[in-house]
Amino acid sequence: MKKLVALLFGLLVVAAGFAAATTWAVTSVRGYNSDSYGYSWTEIGVKYDVQHPYTNYYITYRTGGGGAYGDHKVTGLSVIAEPNGAETIVTIDGYHNIISSAGWPYI
């Protein structure tokens, strides 16, 4: 019985050590692109494990936007979610696209 209690206690200590070893941090990753017609920007929020940032992370939000310069007009805006980031497509004057992206590196 003592061996069983010792074994269970040992497993509890190991499990608590693994749980306590995870330290989370948050950051944002931004991407930007522009030309003579206008600009596009993308941003993602990332919560990641400090010890294993490329294998243990979560994308918390994805957003994007853009605008036009001078007499040009924004006619479309799409923010496309990707597995490890996002892409923003700003359409100007109905035919010209400006694309920006932001992503989290992974292994």
N, C-alpha and C. Protein backbone atom coordinates (compact mmCIF):
# COMPACT_ATOMS: atom_id res chain seq x y z
N MET A 1 0.82 -1.19 0.00
CA MET A 1 0.00 0.00 0.00
C MET A 1 0.87 1.26 0.00
N LYS A 2 1.97 1.21 0.76
CA LYS A 2 2.85 2.37 0.80
C LYS A 2 3.47 2.64 -0.57
N LYS A 3 3.78 1.58 -1.29
CA LYS A 3 4.36 1.75 -2.62
C LYS A 3 3.35 2.40 -3.57
N LEU A 4 2.09 2.01 -3.45
CA LEU A 4 1.05 2.60 -4.30
C LEU A 4 0.87 4.08 -3.99
N VAL A 5 0.85 4.43 -2.73
CA VAL A 5 0.72 5.83 -2.34
C VAL A 5 1.92 6.63 -2.82
N ALA A 6 3.11 6.06 -2.68
CA ALA A 6 4.33 6.74 -3.14
C ALA A 6 4.30 6.92 -4.65
N LEU A 7 3.85 5.91 -5.38
CA LEU A 7 3.76 6.00 -6.83
C LEU A 7 2.76 7.08 -7.25
N LEU A 8 1.59 7.08 -6.64
CA LEU A 8 0.57 8.09 -6.97
C LEU A 8 1.05 9.50 -6.64
N PHE A 9 1.73 9.65 -5.50
CA PHE A 9 2.27 10.95 -5.14
C PHE A 9 3.33 11.40 -6.15
N GLY A 10 4.16 10.48 -6.57
CA GLY A 10 5.18 10.80 -7.56
C GLY A 10 4.57 11.25 -8.87
N LEU A 11 3.53 10.56 -9.31
CA LEU A 11 2.83 10.96 -10.53
C LEU A 11 2.19 12.33 -10.38
N LEU A 12 1.65 12.61 -9.22
CA LEU A 12 1.06 13.92 -8.97
C LEU A 12 2.11 15.02 -9.04
N VAL A 13 3.26 14.78 -8.47
CA VAL A 13 4.34 15.77 -8.50
C VAL A 13 4.81 16.00 -9.94
N VAL A 14 4.95 14.95 -10.71
CA VAL A 14 5.38 15.09 -12.12
C VAL A 14 4.34 15.86 -12.92
N ALA A 15 3.06 15.53 -12.74
CA ALA A 15 2.00 16.23 -13.47
C ALA A 15 1.94 17.70 -13.08
N ALA A 16 2.10 18.00 -11.82
CA ALA A 16 2.10 19.40 -11.38
C ALA A 16 3.30 20.14 -11.95
N GLY A 17 4.43 19.47 -12.05
CA GLY A 17 5.62 20.10 -12.64
C GLY A 17 5.41 20.45 -14.09
N PHE A 18 4.77 19.57 -14.86
CA PHE A 18 4.49 19.87 -16.25
C PHE A 18 3.50 21.02 -16.38
N ALA A 19 2.50 21.07 -15.54
CA ALA A 19 1.50 22.14 -15.60
C ALA A 19 2.12 23.48 -15.23
N ALA A 20 2.98 23.48 -14.25
CA ALA A 20 3.61 24.73 -13.80
C ALA A 20 4.69 25.20 -14.77
N ALA A 21 5.20 24.30 -15.59
CA ALA A 21 6.29 24.65 -16.49
C ALA A 21 5.83 25.48 -17.69
N THR A 22 4.53 25.52 -17.97
CA THR A 22 4.03 26.27 -19.12
C THR A 22 3.82 27.73 -18.73
N THR A 23 4.63 28.60 -19.33
CA THR A 23 4.49 30.04 -19.13
C THR A 23 4.01 30.64 -20.43
N TRP A 24 2.86 31.29 -20.38
CA TRP A 24 2.25 31.86 -21.58
C TRP A 24 2.59 33.33 -21.73
N ALA A 25 2.73 33.76 -22.96
CA ALA A 25 2.96 35.17 -23.29
C ALA A 25 2.06 35.50 -24.49
N VAL A 26 1.81 36.77 -24.69
CA VAL A 26 0.99 37.21 -25.83
C VAL A 26 1.75 38.25 -26.63
N THR A 27 1.49 38.28 -27.92
CA THR A 27 2.09 39.27 -28.80
C THR A 27 1.20 39.46 -30.01
N SER A 28 1.55 40.42 -30.82
CA SER A 28 0.85 40.60 -32.10
C SER A 28 1.88 40.62 -33.21
N VAL A 29 1.45 40.16 -34.38
CA VAL A 29 2.30 40.14 -35.56
C VAL A 29 1.58 40.97 -36.63
N ARG A 30 2.29 41.90 -37.24
CA ARG A 30 1.68 42.79 -38.22
C ARG A 30 2.38 42.69 -39.57
N GLY A 31 1.58 42.87 -40.61
CA GLY A 31 2.12 42.93 -41.96
C GLY A 31 1.55 44.15 -42.68
N TYR A 32 2.32 44.73 -43.59
CA TYR A 32 1.91 45.96 -44.27
C TYR A 32 2.42 45.91 -45.70
N ASN A 33 1.62 46.44 -46.62
CA ASN A 33 2.04 46.53 -48.02
C ASN A 33 1.38 47.77 -48.62
N SER A 34 2.07 48.43 -49.51
CA SER A 34 1.49 49.61 -50.17
C SER A 34 2.10 49.80 -51.55
N ASP A 35 1.40 50.56 -52.37
CA ASP A 35 1.91 50.98 -53.67
C ASP A 35 1.29 52.34 -53.98
N SER A 36 1.34 52.79 -55.24
CA SER A 36 0.86 54.13 -55.58
C SER A 36 -0.66 54.26 -55.49
N TYR A 37 -1.40 53.13 -55.43
CA TYR A 37 -2.85 53.17 -55.33
C TYR A 37 -3.34 53.28 -53.88
N GLY A 38 -2.67 52.59 -52.97
CA GLY A 38 -3.12 52.58 -51.58
C GLY A 38 -2.29 51.63 -50.73
N TYR A 39 -2.89 51.16 -49.62
CA TYR A 39 -2.17 50.33 -48.68
C TYR A 39 -3.08 49.26 -48.10
N SER A 40 -2.45 48.24 -47.52
CA SER A 40 -3.14 47.13 -46.88
C SER A 40 -2.36 46.75 -45.63
N TRP A 41 -3.07 46.40 -44.54
CA TRP A 41 -2.41 45.94 -43.32
C TRP A 41 -3.15 44.74 -42.74
N THR A 42 -2.40 43.90 -42.05
CA THR A 42 -2.94 42.69 -41.42
C THR A 42 -2.31 42.56 -40.04
N GLU A 43 -3.11 42.10 -39.07
CA GLU A 43 -2.59 41.87 -37.72
C GLU A 43 -3.23 40.62 -37.14
N ILE A 44 -2.40 39.82 -36.46
CA ILE A 44 -2.91 38.66 -35.72
C ILE A 44 -2.41 38.76 -34.29
N GLY A 45 -3.19 38.23 -33.37
CA GLY A 45 -2.78 38.11 -31.97
C GLY A 45 -2.40 36.66 -31.70
N VAL A 46 -1.35 36.46 -30.93
CA VAL A 46 -0.85 35.12 -30.67
C VAL A 46 -0.59 34.95 -29.18
N LYS A 47 -1.11 33.86 -28.62
CA LYS A 47 -0.78 33.43 -27.26
C LYS A 47 0.12 32.21 -27.42
N TYR A 48 1.32 32.25 -26.82
CA TYR A 48 2.27 31.18 -27.05
C TYR A 48 2.99 30.77 -25.77
N ASP A 49 3.43 29.53 -25.75
CA ASP A 49 4.23 28.98 -24.66
C ASP A 49 5.66 29.49 -24.83
N VAL A 50 6.19 30.14 -23.82
CA VAL A 50 7.52 30.75 -23.91
C VAL A 50 8.60 29.71 -24.19
N GLN A 51 8.47 28.51 -23.65
CA GLN A 51 9.49 27.49 -23.86
C GLN A 51 9.35 26.77 -25.20
N HIS A 52 8.13 26.75 -25.77
CA HIS A 52 7.88 26.05 -27.04
C HIS A 52 7.02 26.93 -27.95
N PRO A 53 7.52 28.08 -28.37
CA PRO A 53 6.66 29.04 -29.08
C PRO A 53 6.19 28.59 -30.46
N TYR A 54 6.92 27.70 -31.11
CA TYR A 54 6.56 27.33 -32.48
C TYR A 54 5.71 26.07 -32.56
N THR A 55 5.53 25.40 -31.44
CA THR A 55 4.71 24.19 -31.44
C THR A 55 3.51 24.28 -30.52
N ASN A 56 3.50 25.24 -29.59
CA ASN A 56 2.40 25.37 -28.64
C ASN A 56 1.94 26.83 -28.63
N TYR A 57 0.99 27.15 -29.50
CA TYR A 57 0.51 28.52 -29.62
C TYR A 57 -0.94 28.52 -30.09
N TYR A 58 -1.60 29.66 -29.90
CA TYR A 58 -2.98 29.86 -30.35
C TYR A 58 -3.10 31.21 -31.01
N ILE A 59 -3.76 31.27 -32.16
CA ILE A 59 -4.08 32.55 -32.79
C ILE A 59 -5.34 33.06 -32.10
N THR A 60 -5.26 34.23 -31.46
CA THR A 60 -6.40 34.73 -30.68
C THR A 60 -7.31 35.65 -31.49
N TYR A 61 -6.76 36.37 -32.46
CA TYR A 61 -7.60 37.20 -33.33
C TYR A 61 -6.89 37.45 -34.65
N ARG A 62 -7.69 37.80 -35.66
CA ARG A 62 -7.19 38.16 -36.98
C ARG A 62 -7.96 39.39 -37.44
N THR A 63 -7.25 40.41 -37.92
CA THR A 63 -7.91 41.61 -38.40
C THR A 63 -7.07 42.24 -39.51
N GLY A 64 -7.68 43.14 -40.25
CA GLY A 64 -6.96 43.80 -41.33
C GLY A 64 -7.76 44.96 -41.89
N GLY A 65 -7.12 45.74 -42.72
CA GLY A 65 -7.78 46.90 -43.32
C GLY A 65 -6.90 47.50 -44.39
N GLY A 66 -7.29 48.67 -44.82
CA GLY A 66 -6.51 49.35 -45.85
C GLY A 66 -7.19 50.61 -46.29
N GLY A 67 -6.60 51.27 -47.26
CA GLY A 67 -7.14 52.51 -47.77
C GLY A 67 -6.56 52.84 -49.13
N ALA A 68 -7.09 53.91 -49.70
CA ALA A 68 -6.66 54.35 -51.04
C ALA A 68 -6.03 55.73 -50.94
N TYR A 69 -5.11 56.02 -51.86
CA TYR A 69 -4.47 57.32 -51.95
C TYR A 69 -5.12 58.16 -53.04
N GLY A 70 -5.12 59.46 -52.85
CA GLY A 70 -5.57 60.39 -53.89
C GLY A 70 -7.01 60.18 -54.32
N ASP A 71 -7.23 60.16 -55.63
CA ASP A 71 -8.58 60.02 -56.18
C ASP A 71 -9.04 58.57 -56.28
N HIS A 72 -8.24 57.62 -55.87
CA HIS A 72 -8.61 56.21 -55.94
C HIS A 72 -9.62 55.88 -54.84
N LYS A 73 -10.41 54.84 -55.06
CA LYS A 73 -11.45 54.43 -54.11
C LYS A 73 -11.29 52.95 -53.76
N VAL A 74 -11.48 52.63 -52.47
CA VAL A 74 -11.50 51.24 -52.04
C VAL A 74 -12.84 50.64 -52.44
N THR A 75 -12.81 49.55 -53.20
CA THR A 75 -14.05 48.91 -53.65
C THR A 75 -14.24 47.52 -53.03
N GLY A 76 -13.25 47.03 -52.30
CA GLY A 76 -13.40 45.73 -51.66
C GLY A 76 -12.35 45.51 -50.59
N LEU A 77 -12.73 44.75 -49.58
CA LEU A 77 -11.81 44.43 -48.49
C LEU A 77 -12.13 43.02 -48.00
N SER A 78 -11.13 42.15 -47.99
CA SER A 78 -11.31 40.78 -47.50
C SER A 78 -10.19 40.45 -46.54
N VAL A 79 -10.54 39.90 -45.37
CA VAL A 79 -9.56 39.35 -44.44
C VAL A 79 -9.78 37.85 -44.44
N ILE A 80 -8.78 37.11 -44.87
CA ILE A 80 -8.88 35.66 -45.03
C ILE A 80 -8.07 34.98 -43.93
N ALA A 81 -8.74 34.15 -43.15
CA ALA A 81 -8.05 33.39 -42.10
C ALA A 81 -7.25 32.26 -42.72
N GLU A 82 -6.04 32.10 -42.25
CA GLU A 82 -5.17 31.00 -42.66
C GLU A 82 -4.80 30.22 -41.41
N PRO A 83 -4.34 28.99 -41.54
CA PRO A 83 -4.06 28.17 -40.35
C PRO A 83 -3.10 28.83 -39.35
N ASN A 84 -2.11 29.55 -39.83
CA ASN A 84 -1.12 30.16 -38.93
C ASN A 84 -1.06 31.66 -39.07
N GLY A 85 -2.13 32.29 -39.56
CA GLY A 85 -2.12 33.73 -39.72
C GLY A 85 -3.34 34.23 -40.45
N ALA A 86 -3.14 35.30 -41.22
CA ALA A 86 -4.24 35.91 -41.99
C ALA A 86 -3.66 36.66 -43.17
N GLU A 87 -4.55 36.92 -44.14
CA GLU A 87 -4.19 37.68 -45.33
C GLU A 87 -5.29 38.70 -45.58
N THR A 88 -4.90 39.93 -45.91
CA THR A 88 -5.86 40.98 -46.23
C THR A 88 -5.70 41.37 -47.69
N ILE A 89 -6.83 41.43 -48.41
CA ILE A 89 -6.83 41.86 -49.80
C ILE A 89 -7.69 43.11 -49.90
N VAL A 90 -7.07 44.21 -50.30
CA VAL A 90 -7.77 45.47 -50.52
C VAL A 90 -7.88 45.68 -52.02
N THR A 91 -9.10 45.81 -52.52
CA THR A 91 -9.33 46.06 -53.94
C THR A 91 -9.58 47.55 -54.12
N ILE A 92 -8.86 48.14 -55.07
CA ILE A 92 -8.98 49.58 -55.33
C ILE A 92 -9.42 49.78 -56.77
N ASP A 93 -10.40 50.65 -56.95
CA ASP A 93 -10.97 50.99 -58.26
C ASP A 93 -11.53 49.77 -58.99
N GLY A 94 -11.87 48.73 -58.25
CA GLY A 94 -12.51 47.57 -58.84
C GLY A 94 -11.59 46.54 -59.49
N TYR A 95 -10.31 46.85 -59.63
CA TYR A 95 -9.44 45.90 -60.34
C TYR A 95 -8.05 45.74 -59.72
N HIS A 96 -7.59 46.69 -58.96
CA HIS A 96 -6.23 46.66 -58.44
C HIS A 96 -6.24 46.11 -57.01
N ASN A 97 -5.46 45.04 -56.76
CA ASN A 97 -5.39 44.42 -55.44
C ASN A 97 -4.07 44.72 -54.75
N ILE A 98 -4.17 45.02 -53.47
CA ILE A 98 -2.99 45.15 -52.61
C ILE A 98 -3.15 44.11 -51.51
N ILE A 99 -2.16 43.25 -51.37
CA ILE A 99 -2.25 42.12 -50.46
C ILE A 99 -1.19 42.24 -49.37
N SER A 100 -1.61 42.04 -48.13
CA SER A 100 -0.67 41.96 -47.02
C SER A 100 -0.99 40.72 -46.21
N SER A 101 -0.02 40.24 -45.46
CA SER A 101 -0.24 39.05 -44.65
C SER A 101 0.58 39.13 -43.37
N ALA A 102 0.12 38.38 -42.37
CA ALA A 102 0.84 38.25 -41.11
C ALA A 102 0.70 36.80 -40.67
N GLY A 103 1.76 36.22 -40.17
CA GLY A 103 1.71 34.82 -39.78
C GLY A 103 2.67 34.51 -38.66
N TRP A 104 2.40 33.41 -37.99
CA TRP A 104 3.25 32.91 -36.91
C TRP A 104 4.10 31.78 -37.48
N PRO A 105 5.42 31.84 -37.30
CA PRO A 105 6.25 30.76 -37.82
C PRO A 105 5.98 29.46 -37.07
N TYR A 106 6.05 28.36 -37.75
CA TYR A 106 5.79 27.07 -37.13
C TYR A 106 6.76 26.03 -37.69
N ILE A 107 6.87 24.95 -36.97
CA ILE A 107 7.78 23.88 -37.37
C ILE A 107 6.97 22.77 -37.98
